[in-house]
Amino acid sequence: MSIRFYHRTNAAEAIIRDGFRDDEGSYMLKGMRLRGVFLSDILLDANDGAEGDQLLEISLQATCDISDYEIIEEGKPYREWCVPAGIINRCGEVRLLAKED
């Protein structure tokens, strides 16, 4: 069994070919810098701070525990994580979703 997550990007081809790489940013959190790969449990867009024209679906094995990387913010209608790239590359399967998906 696996759990699905989503990542918006402009570099889907490189990610699928070479794997994810850690990035660093505030991810809209004031005063906090995070390093890793931003994942969400629903499809996000620029209105939510997720930029890019391509959407990747990441299926992580249920045995891959990423709970320590969850970003918890009051009032958000979705869940999000900043996960080290190595974990996703080791435990995940990545596919590019078609625009109509």
PDB file of N, CA and C in Angstrom:
ATOM      1  N   MET A   1       0.834  -1.183   0.000  1.00  0.00           N
ATOM      2  CA  MET A   1       0.000   0.000   0.000  1.00  0.00           C
ATOM      3  C   MET A   1       0.882   1.252   0.000  1.00  0.00           C
ATOM      4  N   SER A   2       0.419   2.283  -0.689  1.00  0.00           N
ATOM      5  CA  SER A   2       1.179   3.524  -0.735  1.00  0.00           C
ATOM      6  C   SER A   2       0.255   4.710  -0.486  1.00  0.00           C
ATOM      7  N   ILE A   3       0.871   5.844  -0.167  1.00  0.00           N
ATOM      8  CA  ILE A   3       0.149   7.078   0.100  1.00  0.00           C
ATOM      9  C   ILE A   3       0.574   8.091  -0.955  1.00  0.00           C
ATOM     10  N   ARG A   4      -0.392   8.832  -1.512  1.00  0.00           N
ATOM     11  CA  ARG A   4      -0.098   9.786  -2.581  1.00  0.00           C
ATOM     12  C   ARG A   4       0.086  11.202  -2.051  1.00  0.00           C
ATOM     13  N   PHE A   5       1.075  11.861  -2.647  1.00  0.00           N
ATOM     14  CA  PHE A   5       1.375  13.258  -2.364  1.00  0.00           C
ATOM     15  C   PHE A   5       1.575  13.966  -3.693  1.00  0.00           C
ATOM     16  N   TYR A   6       1.631  15.311  -3.649  1.00  0.00           N
ATOM     17  CA  TYR A   6       1.762  16.092  -4.875  1.00  0.00           C
ATOM     18  C   TYR A   6       2.837  17.157  -4.713  1.00  0.00           C
ATOM     19  N   HIS A   7       3.498  17.452  -5.848  1.00  0.00           N
ATOM     20  CA  HIS A   7       4.559  18.456  -5.883  1.00  0.00           C
ATOM     21  C   HIS A   7       4.461  19.199  -7.210  1.00  0.00           C
ATOM     22  N   ARG A   8       4.302  20.528  -7.158  1.00  0.00           N
ATOM     23  CA  ARG A   8       4.230  21.344  -8.373  1.00  0.00           C
ATOM     24  C   ARG A   8       5.629  21.855  -8.697  1.00  0.00           C
ATOM     25  N   THR A   9       5.983  21.853  -9.998  1.00  0.00           N
ATOM     26  CA  THR A   9       7.341  22.182 -10.422  1.00  0.00           C
ATOM     27  C   THR A   9       7.370  22.636 -11.871  1.00  0.00           C
ATOM     28  N   ASN A  10       8.524  23.129 -12.295  1.00  0.00           N
ATOM     29  CA  ASN A  10       8.810  23.381 -13.705  1.00  0.00           C
ATOM     30  C   ASN A  10       9.931  22.451 -14.179  1.00  0.00           C
ATOM     31  N   ALA A  11      10.331  21.502 -13.334  1.00  0.00           N
ATOM     32  CA  ALA A  11      11.474  20.637 -13.645  1.00  0.00           C
ATOM     33  C   ALA A  11      11.118  19.156 -13.576  1.00  0.00           C
ATOM     34  N   ALA A  12       9.916  18.797 -14.003  1.00  0.00           N
ATOM     35  CA  ALA A  12       9.457  17.412 -13.875  1.00  0.00           C
ATOM     36  C   ALA A  12      10.381  16.422 -14.587  1.00  0.00           C
ATOM     37  N   GLU A  13      10.816  16.742 -15.795  1.00  0.00           N
ATOM     38  CA  GLU A  13      11.671  15.815 -16.561  1.00  0.00           C
ATOM     39  C   GLU A  13      12.957  15.506 -15.802  1.00  0.00           C
ATOM     40  N   ALA A  14      13.613  16.532 -15.270  1.00  0.00           N
ATOM     41  CA  ALA A  14      14.862  16.333 -14.529  1.00  0.00           C
ATOM     42  C   ALA A  14      14.623  15.553 -13.235  1.00  0.00           C
ATOM     43  N   ILE A  15      13.520  15.833 -12.554  1.00  0.00           N
ATOM     44  CA  ILE A  15      13.218  15.112 -11.314  1.00  0.00           C
ATOM     45  C   ILE A  15      12.968  13.638 -11.597  1.00  0.00           C
ATOM     46  N   ILE A  16      12.197  13.352 -12.621  1.00  0.00           N
ATOM     47  CA  ILE A  16      11.919  11.951 -12.967  1.00  0.00           C
ATOM     48  C   ILE A  16      13.200  11.242 -13.385  1.00  0.00           C
ATOM     49  N   ARG A  17      14.066  11.933 -14.118  1.00  0.00           N
ATOM     50  CA  ARG A  17      15.309  11.341 -14.594  1.00  0.00           C
ATOM     51  C   ARG A  17      16.352  11.190 -13.481  1.00  0.00           C
ATOM     52  N   ASP A  18      16.546  12.247 -12.669  1.00  0.00           N
ATOM     53  CA  ASP A  18      17.659  12.289 -11.720  1.00  0.00           C
ATOM     54  C   ASP A  18      17.241  12.199 -10.256  1.00  0.00           C
ATOM     55  N   GLY A  19      15.961  12.285  -9.978  1.00  0.00           N
ATOM     56  CA  GLY A  19      15.489  12.292  -8.597  1.00  0.00           C
ATOM     57  C   GLY A  19      15.353  13.705  -8.068  1.00  0.00           C
ATOM     58  N   PHE A  20      14.723  13.812  -6.915  1.00  0.00           N
ATOM     59  CA  PHE A  20      14.551  15.108  -6.264  1.00  0.00           C
ATOM     60  C   PHE A  20      15.864  15.582  -5.667  1.00  0.00           C
ATOM     61  N   ARG A  21      16.003  16.899  -5.550  1.00  0.00           N
ATOM     62  CA  ARG A  21      17.120  17.520  -4.834  1.00  0.00           C
ATOM     63  C   ARG A  21      16.529  18.436  -3.777  1.00  0.00           C
ATOM     64  N   ASP A  22      17.193  18.504  -2.629  1.00  0.00           N
ATOM     65  CA  ASP A  22      16.732  19.395  -1.576  1.00  0.00           C
ATOM     66  C   ASP A  22      16.836  20.836  -2.032  1.00  0.00           C
ATOM     67  N   ASP A  23      15.849  21.623  -1.635  1.00  0.00           N
ATOM     68  CA  ASP A  23      15.854  23.057  -1.871  1.00  0.00           C
ATOM     69  C   ASP A  23      15.640  23.710  -0.511  1.00  0.00           C
ATOM     70  N   GLU A  24      15.930  24.986  -0.429  1.00  0.00           N
ATOM     71  CA  GLU A  24      15.753  25.687   0.831  1.00  0.00           C
ATOM     72  C   GLU A  24      14.891  26.912   0.604  1.00  0.00           C
ATOM     73  N   GLY A  25      13.965  27.140   1.507  1.00  0.00           N
ATOM     74  CA  GLY A  25      13.109  28.309   1.405  1.00  0.00           C
ATOM     75  C   GLY A  25      12.207  28.428   2.606  1.00  0.00           C
ATOM     76  N   SER A  26      11.469  29.516   2.633  1.00  0.00           N
ATOM     77  CA  SER A  26      10.582  29.759   3.776  1.00  0.00           C
ATOM     78  C   SER A  26       9.229  29.095   3.571  1.00  0.00           C
ATOM     79  N   TYR A  27       8.885  28.770   2.352  1.00  0.00           N
ATOM     80  CA  TYR A  27       7.601  28.127   2.047  1.00  0.00           C
ATOM     81  C   TYR A  27       6.448  28.851   2.733  1.00  0.00           C
ATOM     82  N   MET A  28       6.482  30.192   2.660  1.00  0.00           N
ATOM     83  CA  MET A  28       5.437  31.063   3.172  1.00  0.00           C
ATOM     84  C   MET A  28       5.360  31.087   4.696  1.00  0.00           C
ATOM     85  N   LEU A  29       6.324  30.528   5.383  1.00  0.00           N
ATOM     86  CA  LEU A  29       6.340  30.558   6.844  1.00  0.00           C
ATOM     87  C   LEU A  29       7.271  31.670   7.302  1.00  0.00           C
ATOM     88  N   LYS A  30       6.747  32.633   7.984  1.00  0.00           N
ATOM     89  CA  LYS A  30       7.549  33.776   8.427  1.00  0.00           C
ATOM     90  C   LYS A  30       8.603  33.343   9.433  1.00  0.00           C
ATOM     91  N   GLY A  31       9.850  33.712   9.151  1.00  0.00           N
ATOM     92  CA  GLY A  31      10.931  33.463  10.083  1.00  0.00           C
ATOM     93  C   GLY A  31      11.422  32.031  10.161  1.00  0.00           C
ATOM     94  N   MET A  32      10.924  31.168   9.322  1.00  0.00           N
ATOM     95  CA  MET A  32      11.362  29.779   9.370  1.00  0.00           C
ATOM     96  C   MET A  32      11.838  29.344   7.989  1.00  0.00           C
ATOM     97  N   ARG A  33      13.059  28.820   7.931  1.00  0.00           N
ATOM     98  CA  ARG A  33      13.587  28.304   6.667  1.00  0.00           C
ATOM     99  C   ARG A  33      13.598  26.791   6.737  1.00  0.00           C
ATOM    100  N   LEU A  34      13.144  26.171   5.669  1.00  0.00           N
ATOM    101  CA  LEU A  34      13.068  24.714   5.597  1.00  0.00           C
ATOM    102  C   LEU A  34      13.929  24.213   4.458  1.00  0.00           C
ATOM    103  N   ARG A  35      14.450  23.010   4.608  1.00  0.00           N
ATOM    104  CA  ARG A  35      15.262  22.394   3.557  1.00  0.00           C
ATOM    105  C   ARG A  35      14.663  21.032   3.251  1.00  0.00           C
ATOM    106  N   GLY A  36      14.373  20.785   1.978  1.00  0.00           N
ATOM    107  CA  GLY A  36      13.790  19.521   1.553  1.00  0.00           C
ATOM    108  C   GLY A  36      12.946  19.725   0.313  1.00  0.00           C
ATOM    109  N   VAL A  37      11.923  18.901   0.174  1.00  0.00           N
ATOM    110  CA  VAL A  37      11.008  18.937  -0.965  1.00  0.00           C
ATOM    111  C   VAL A  37       9.598  19.124  -0.410  1.00  0.00           C
ATOM    112  N   PHE A  38       8.905  20.110  -0.932  1.00  0.00           N
ATOM    113  CA  PHE A  38       7.559  20.414  -0.481  1.00  0.00           C
ATOM    114  C   PHE A  38       6.570  19.424  -1.089  1.00  0.00           C
ATOM    115  N   LEU A  39       5.768  18.769  -0.245  1.00  0.00           N
ATOM    116  CA  LEU A  39       4.711  17.851  -0.675  1.00  0.00           C
ATOM    117  C   LEU A  39       3.400  18.274  -0.029  1.00  0.00           C
ATOM    118  N   SER A  40       2.303  17.981  -0.703  1.00  0.00           N
ATOM    119  CA  SER A  40       0.982  18.242  -0.138  1.00  0.00           C
ATOM    120  C   SER A  40       0.088  17.034  -0.379  1.00  0.00           C
ATOM    121  N   ASP A  41      -1.018  16.988   0.353  1.00  0.00           N
ATOM    122  CA  ASP A  41      -1.937  15.863   0.192  1.00  0.00           C
ATOM    123  C   ASP A  41      -3.039  16.156  -0.817  1.00  0.00           C
ATOM    124  N   ILE A  42      -3.089  17.395  -1.331  1.00  0.00           N
ATOM    125  CA  ILE A  42      -4.032  17.753  -2.387  1.00  0.00           C
ATOM    126  C   ILE A  42      -3.281  18.549  -3.451  1.00  0.00           C
ATOM    127  N   LEU A  43      -3.930  18.763  -4.592  1.00  0.00           N
ATOM    128  CA  LEU A  43      -3.323  19.541  -5.673  1.00  0.00           C
ATOM    129  C   LEU A  43      -3.350  21.017  -5.298  1.00  0.00           C
ATOM    130  N   LEU A  44      -2.185  21.645  -5.255  1.00  0.00           N
ATOM    131  CA  LEU A  44      -2.076  23.068  -4.934  1.00  0.00           C
ATOM    132  C   LEU A  44      -1.673  23.838  -6.182  1.00  0.00           C
ATOM    133  N   ASP A  45      -1.907  25.151  -6.155  1.00  0.00           N
ATOM    134  CA  ASP A  45      -1.502  25.995  -7.277  1.00  0.00           C
ATOM    135  C   ASP A  45      -0.844  27.273  -6.740  1.00  0.00           C
ATOM    136  N   ALA A  46      -0.635  28.235  -7.622  1.00  0.00           N
ATOM    137  CA  ALA A  46       0.058  29.470  -7.238  1.00  0.00           C
ATOM    138  C   ALA A  46      -0.678  30.223  -6.129  1.00  0.00           C
ATOM    139  N   ASN A  47      -1.989  30.115  -6.068  1.00  0.00           N
ATOM    140  CA  ASN A  47      -2.751  30.769  -5.002  1.00  0.00           C
ATOM    141  C   ASN A  47      -2.383  30.225  -3.628  1.00  0.00           C
ATOM    142  N   ASP A  48      -1.867  29.011  -3.598  1.00  0.00           N
ATOM    143  CA  ASP A  48      -1.453  28.369  -2.344  1.00  0.00           C
ATOM    144  C   ASP A  48       0.055  28.476  -2.128  1.00  0.00           C
ATOM    145  N   GLY A  49       0.759  29.146  -3.054  1.00  0.00           N
ATOM    146  CA  GLY A  49       2.202  29.295  -2.937  1.00  0.00           C
ATOM    147  C   GLY A  49       2.996  28.234  -3.677  1.00  0.00           C
ATOM    148  N   ALA A  50       2.314  27.348  -4.409  1.00  0.00           N
ATOM    149  CA  ALA A  50       2.989  26.292  -5.170  1.00  0.00           C
ATOM    150  C   ALA A  50       3.138  26.754  -6.618  1.00  0.00           C
ATOM    151  N   GLU A  51       4.373  26.902  -7.063  1.00  0.00           N
ATOM    152  CA  GLU A  51       4.612  27.418  -8.405  1.00  0.00           C
ATOM    153  C   GLU A  51       5.086  26.323  -9.341  1.00  0.00           C
ATOM    154  N   GLY A  52       4.721  26.452 -10.609  1.00  0.00           N
ATOM    155  CA  GLY A  52       5.146  25.516 -11.638  1.00  0.00           C
ATOM    156  C   GLY A  52       3.974  25.081 -12.490  1.00  0.00           C
ATOM    157  N   ASP A  53       4.285  24.728 -13.724  1.00  0.00           N
ATOM    158  CA  ASP A  53       3.254  24.307 -14.671  1.00  0.00           C
ATOM    159  C   ASP A  53       3.049  22.798 -14.697  1.00  0.00           C
ATOM    160  N   GLN A  54       3.908  22.062 -14.012  1.00  0.00           N
ATOM    161  CA  GLN A  54       3.841  20.600 -14.037  1.00  0.00           C
ATOM    162  C   GLN A  54       3.519  20.082 -12.640  1.00  0.00           C
ATOM    163  N   LEU A  55       2.741  19.023 -12.605  1.00  0.00           N
ATOM    164  CA  LEU A  55       2.346  18.453 -11.324  1.00  0.00           C
ATOM    165  C   LEU A  55       2.814  17.006 -11.253  1.00  0.00           C
ATOM    166  N   LEU A  56       3.586  16.716 -10.204  1.00  0.00           N
ATOM    167  CA  LEU A  56       4.059  15.352  -9.978  1.00  0.00           C
ATOM    168  C   LEU A  56       3.237  14.696  -8.878  1.00  0.00           C
ATOM    169  N   GLU A  57       2.937  13.434  -9.091  1.00  0.00           N
ATOM    170  CA  GLU A  57       2.309  12.621  -8.060  1.00  0.00           C
ATOM    171  C   GLU A  57       3.390  11.707  -7.502  1.00  0.00           C
ATOM    172  N   ILE A  58       3.543  11.715  -6.186  1.00  0.00           N
ATOM    173  CA  ILE A  58       4.553  10.895  -5.520  1.00  0.00           C
ATOM    174  C   ILE A  58       3.820   9.875  -4.665  1.00  0.00           C
ATOM    175  N   SER A  59       4.061   8.605  -4.917  1.00  0.00           N
ATOM    176  CA  SER A  59       3.495   7.532  -4.107  1.00  0.00           C
ATOM    177  C   SER A  59       4.590   7.028  -3.193  1.00  0.00           C
ATOM    178  N   LEU A  60       4.386   7.213  -1.891  1.00  0.00           N
ATOM    179  CA  LEU A  60       5.353   6.735  -0.905  1.00  0.00           C
ATOM    180  C   LEU A  60       4.824   5.465  -0.261  1.00  0.00           C
ATOM    181  N   GLN A  61       5.704   4.524  -0.041  1.00  0.00           N
ATOM    182  CA  GLN A  61       5.337   3.296   0.641  1.00  0.00           C
ATOM    183  C   GLN A  61       4.776   3.646   2.018  1.00  0.00           C
ATOM    184  N   ALA A  62       3.738   2.946   2.436  1.00  0.00           N
ATOM    185  CA  ALA A  62       3.108   3.218   3.731  1.00  0.00           C
ATOM    186  C   ALA A  62       4.094   3.055   4.886  1.00  0.00           C
ATOM    187  N   THR A  63       5.137   2.268   4.683  1.00  0.00           N
ATOM    188  CA  THR A  63       6.152   2.060   5.727  1.00  0.00           C
ATOM    189  C   THR A  63       7.133   3.231   5.825  1.00  0.00           C
ATOM    190  N   CYS A  64       7.047   4.171   4.904  1.00  0.00           N
ATOM    191  CA  CYS A  64       7.925   5.347   4.888  1.00  0.00           C
ATOM    192  C   CYS A  64       7.269   6.442   5.733  1.00  0.00           C
ATOM    193  N   ASP A  65       7.727   6.605   6.952  1.00  0.00           N
ATOM    194  CA  ASP A  65       7.135   7.552   7.896  1.00  0.00           C
ATOM    195  C   ASP A  65       7.726   8.947   7.696  1.00  0.00           C
ATOM    196  N   ILE A  66       6.882   9.884   7.252  1.00  0.00           N
ATOM    197  CA  ILE A  66       7.338  11.268   7.069  1.00  0.00           C
ATOM    198  C   ILE A  66       6.664  12.204   8.067  1.00  0.00           C
ATOM    199  N   SER A  67       6.078  11.664   9.109  1.00  0.00           N
ATOM    200  CA  SER A  67       5.328  12.480  10.066  1.00  0.00           C
ATOM    201  C   SER A  67       6.190  13.564  10.719  1.00  0.00           C
ATOM    202  N   ASP A  68       7.474  13.327  10.901  1.00  0.00           N
ATOM    203  CA  ASP A  68       8.355  14.331  11.503  1.00  0.00           C
ATOM    204  C   ASP A  68       8.549  15.555  10.614  1.00  0.00           C
ATOM    205  N   TYR A  69       8.185  15.458   9.341  1.00  0.00           N
ATOM    206  CA  TYR A  69       8.412  16.536   8.384  1.00  0.00           C
ATOM    207  C   TYR A  69       7.146  17.323   8.055  1.00  0.00           C
ATOM    208  N   GLU A  70       6.049  17.016   8.738  1.00  0.00           N
ATOM    209  CA  GLU A  70       4.801  17.723   8.462  1.00  0.00           C
ATOM    210  C   GLU A  70       4.889  19.164   8.955  1.00  0.00           C
ATOM    211  N   ILE A  71       4.366  20.080   8.145  1.00  0.00           N
ATOM    212  CA  ILE A  71       4.286  21.496   8.486  1.00  0.00           C
ATOM    213  C   ILE A  71       2.852  21.734   8.940  1.00  0.00           C
ATOM    214  N   ILE A  72       2.697  22.024  10.201  1.00  0.00           N
ATOM    215  CA  ILE A  72       1.355  22.182  10.754  1.00  0.00           C
ATOM    216  C   ILE A  72       1.067  23.669  10.943  1.00  0.00           C
ATOM    217  N   GLU A  73       0.020  24.126  10.270  1.00  0.00           N
ATOM    218  CA  GLU A  73      -0.410  25.517  10.383  1.00  0.00           C
ATOM    219  C   GLU A  73      -1.912  25.538  10.646  1.00  0.00           C
ATOM    220  N   GLU A  74      -2.321  26.305  11.617  1.00  0.00           N
ATOM    221  CA  GLU A  74      -3.737  26.417  11.968  1.00  0.00           C
ATOM    222  C   GLU A  74      -4.560  26.920  10.780  1.00  0.00           C
ATOM    223  N   GLY A  75      -5.713  26.325  10.581  1.00  0.00           N
ATOM    224  CA  GLY A  75      -6.668  26.805   9.598  1.00  0.00           C
ATOM    225  C   GLY A  75      -6.447  26.380   8.167  1.00  0.00           C
ATOM    226  N   LYS A  76      -5.396  25.630   7.889  1.00  0.00           N
ATOM    227  CA  LYS A  76      -5.179  25.186   6.508  1.00  0.00           C
ATOM    228  C   LYS A  76      -6.087  23.995   6.203  1.00  0.00           C
ATOM    229  N   PRO A  77      -6.736  24.015   5.032  1.00  0.00           N
ATOM    230  CA  PRO A  77      -7.647  22.918   4.686  1.00  0.00           C
ATOM    231  C   PRO A  77      -6.931  21.712   4.060  1.00  0.00           C
ATOM    232  N   TYR A  78      -5.618  21.720   4.089  1.00  0.00           N
ATOM    233  CA  TYR A  78      -4.833  20.616   3.527  1.00  0.00           C
ATOM    234  C   TYR A  78      -3.617  20.388   4.403  1.00  0.00           C
ATOM    235  N   ARG A  79      -2.930  19.278   4.145  1.00  0.00           N
ATOM    236  CA  ARG A  79      -1.710  18.963   4.895  1.00  0.00           C
ATOM    237  C   ARG A  79      -0.510  19.127   3.976  1.00  0.00           C
ATOM    238  N   GLU A  80       0.634  19.479   4.565  1.00  0.00           N
ATOM    239  CA  GLU A  80       1.849  19.649   3.773  1.00  0.00           C
ATOM    240  C   GLU A  80       3.069  19.218   4.575  1.00  0.00           C
ATOM    241  N   TRP A  81       4.135  18.878   3.833  1.00  0.00           N
ATOM    242  CA  TRP A  81       5.371  18.378   4.419  1.00  0.00           C
ATOM    243  C   TRP A  81       6.550  18.991   3.680  1.00  0.00           C
ATOM    244  N   CYS A  82       7.689  19.054   4.348  1.00  0.00           N
ATOM    245  CA  CYS A  82       8.963  19.391   3.718  1.00  0.00           C
ATOM    246  C   CYS A  82       9.892  18.221   4.035  1.00  0.00           C
ATOM    247  N   VAL A  83      10.046  17.325   3.078  1.00  0.00           N
ATOM    248  CA  VAL A  83      10.695  16.030   3.275  1.00  0.00           C
ATOM    249  C   VAL A  83      12.076  16.034   2.602  1.00  0.00           C
ATOM    250  N   PRO A  84      13.101  15.508   3.270  1.00  0.00           N
ATOM    251  CA  PRO A  84      14.410  15.394   2.614  1.00  0.00           C
ATOM    252  C   PRO A  84      14.293  14.597   1.297  1.00  0.00           C
ATOM    253  N   ALA A  85      14.967  15.100   0.271  1.00  0.00           N
ATOM    254  CA  ALA A  85      14.905  14.473  -1.051  1.00  0.00           C
ATOM    255  C   ALA A  85      15.309  13.004  -1.018  1.00  0.00           C
ATOM    256  N   GLY A  86      16.306  12.666  -0.215  1.00  0.00           N
ATOM    257  CA  GLY A  86      16.776  11.281  -0.151  1.00  0.00           C
ATOM    258  C   GLY A  86      15.688  10.306   0.251  1.00  0.00           C
ATOM    259  N   ILE A  87      14.803  10.713   1.139  1.00  0.00           N
ATOM    260  CA  ILE A  87      13.708   9.841   1.557  1.00  0.00           C
ATOM    261  C   ILE A  87      12.750   9.599   0.396  1.00  0.00           C
ATOM    262  N   ILE A  88      12.395  10.668  -0.307  1.00  0.00           N
ATOM    263  CA  ILE A  88      11.476  10.528  -1.442  1.00  0.00           C
ATOM    264  C   ILE A  88      12.112   9.687  -2.536  1.00  0.00           C
ATOM    265  N   ASN A  89      13.376   9.941  -2.834  1.00  0.00           N
ATOM    266  CA  ASN A  89      14.065   9.189  -3.887  1.00  0.00           C
ATOM    267  C   ASN A  89      14.173   7.704  -3.541  1.00  0.00           C
ATOM    268  N   ARG A  90      14.329   7.391  -2.266  1.00  0.00           N
ATOM    269  CA  ARG A  90      14.486   6.001  -1.829  1.00  0.00           C
ATOM    270  C   ARG A  90      13.146   5.274  -1.722  1.00  0.00           C
ATOM    271  N   CYS A  91      12.113   5.956  -1.235  1.00  0.00           N
ATOM    272  CA  CYS A  91      10.840   5.302  -0.909  1.00  0.00           C
ATOM    273  C   CYS A  91       9.712   5.593  -1.887  1.00  0.00           C
ATOM    274  N   GLY A  92       9.930   6.485  -2.824  1.00  0.00           N
ATOM    275  CA  GLY A  92       8.813   6.943  -3.644  1.00  0.00           C
ATOM    276  C   GLY A  92       8.856   6.544  -5.098  1.00  0.00           C
ATOM    277  N   GLU A  93       7.677   6.558  -5.686  1.00  0.00           N
ATOM    278  CA  GLU A  93       7.514   6.423  -7.130  1.00  0.00           C
ATOM    279  C   GLU A  93       6.916   7.730  -7.617  1.00  0.00           C
ATOM    280  N   VAL A  94       7.480   8.282  -8.688  1.00  0.00           N
ATOM    281  CA  VAL A  94       7.085   9.603  -9.169  1.00  0.00           C
ATOM    282  C   VAL A  94       6.539   9.488 -10.581  1.00  0.00           C
ATOM    283  N   ARG A  95       5.418  10.182 -10.820  1.00  0.00           N
ATOM    284  CA  ARG A  95       4.900  10.249 -12.179  1.00  0.00           C
ATOM    285  C   ARG A  95       4.336  11.638 -12.451  1.00  0.00           C
ATOM    286  N   LEU A  96       4.475  12.064 -13.687  1.00  0.00           N
ATOM    287  CA  LEU A  96       3.955  13.356 -14.134  1.00  0.00           C
ATOM    288  C   LEU A  96       2.478  13.191 -14.446  1.00  0.00           C
ATOM    289  N   LEU A  97       1.646  14.040 -13.862  1.00  0.00           N
ATOM    290  CA  LEU A  97       0.222  13.990 -14.153  1.00  0.00           C
ATOM    291  C   LEU A  97      -0.056  14.813 -15.409  1.00  0.00           C
ATOM    292  N   ALA A  98      -0.953  14.306 -16.232  1.00  0.00           N
ATOM    293  CA  ALA A  98      -1.373  15.042 -17.418  1.00  0.00           C
ATOM    294  C   ALA A  98      -2.220  16.227 -16.971  1.00  0.00           C
ATOM    295  N   LYS A  99      -2.263  17.269 -17.766  1.00  0.00           N
ATOM    296  CA  LYS A  99      -3.012  18.481 -17.400  1.00  0.00           C
ATOM    297  C   LYS A  99      -4.467  18.181 -17.086  1.00  0.00           C
ATOM    298  N   GLU A 100      -5.058  17.207 -17.779  1.00  0.00           N
ATOM    299  CA  GLU A 100      -6.459  16.881 -17.536  1.00  0.00           C
ATOM    300  C   GLU A 100      -6.683  16.078 -16.258  1.00  0.00           C
ATOM    301  N   ASP A 101      -5.598  15.553 -15.652  1.00  0.00           N
ATOM    302  CA  ASP A 101      -5.733  14.835 -14.377  1.00  0.00           C
ATOM    303  C   ASP A 101      -5.976  15.833 -13.290  1.00  0.00           C
TER     304      ASP A 101
END
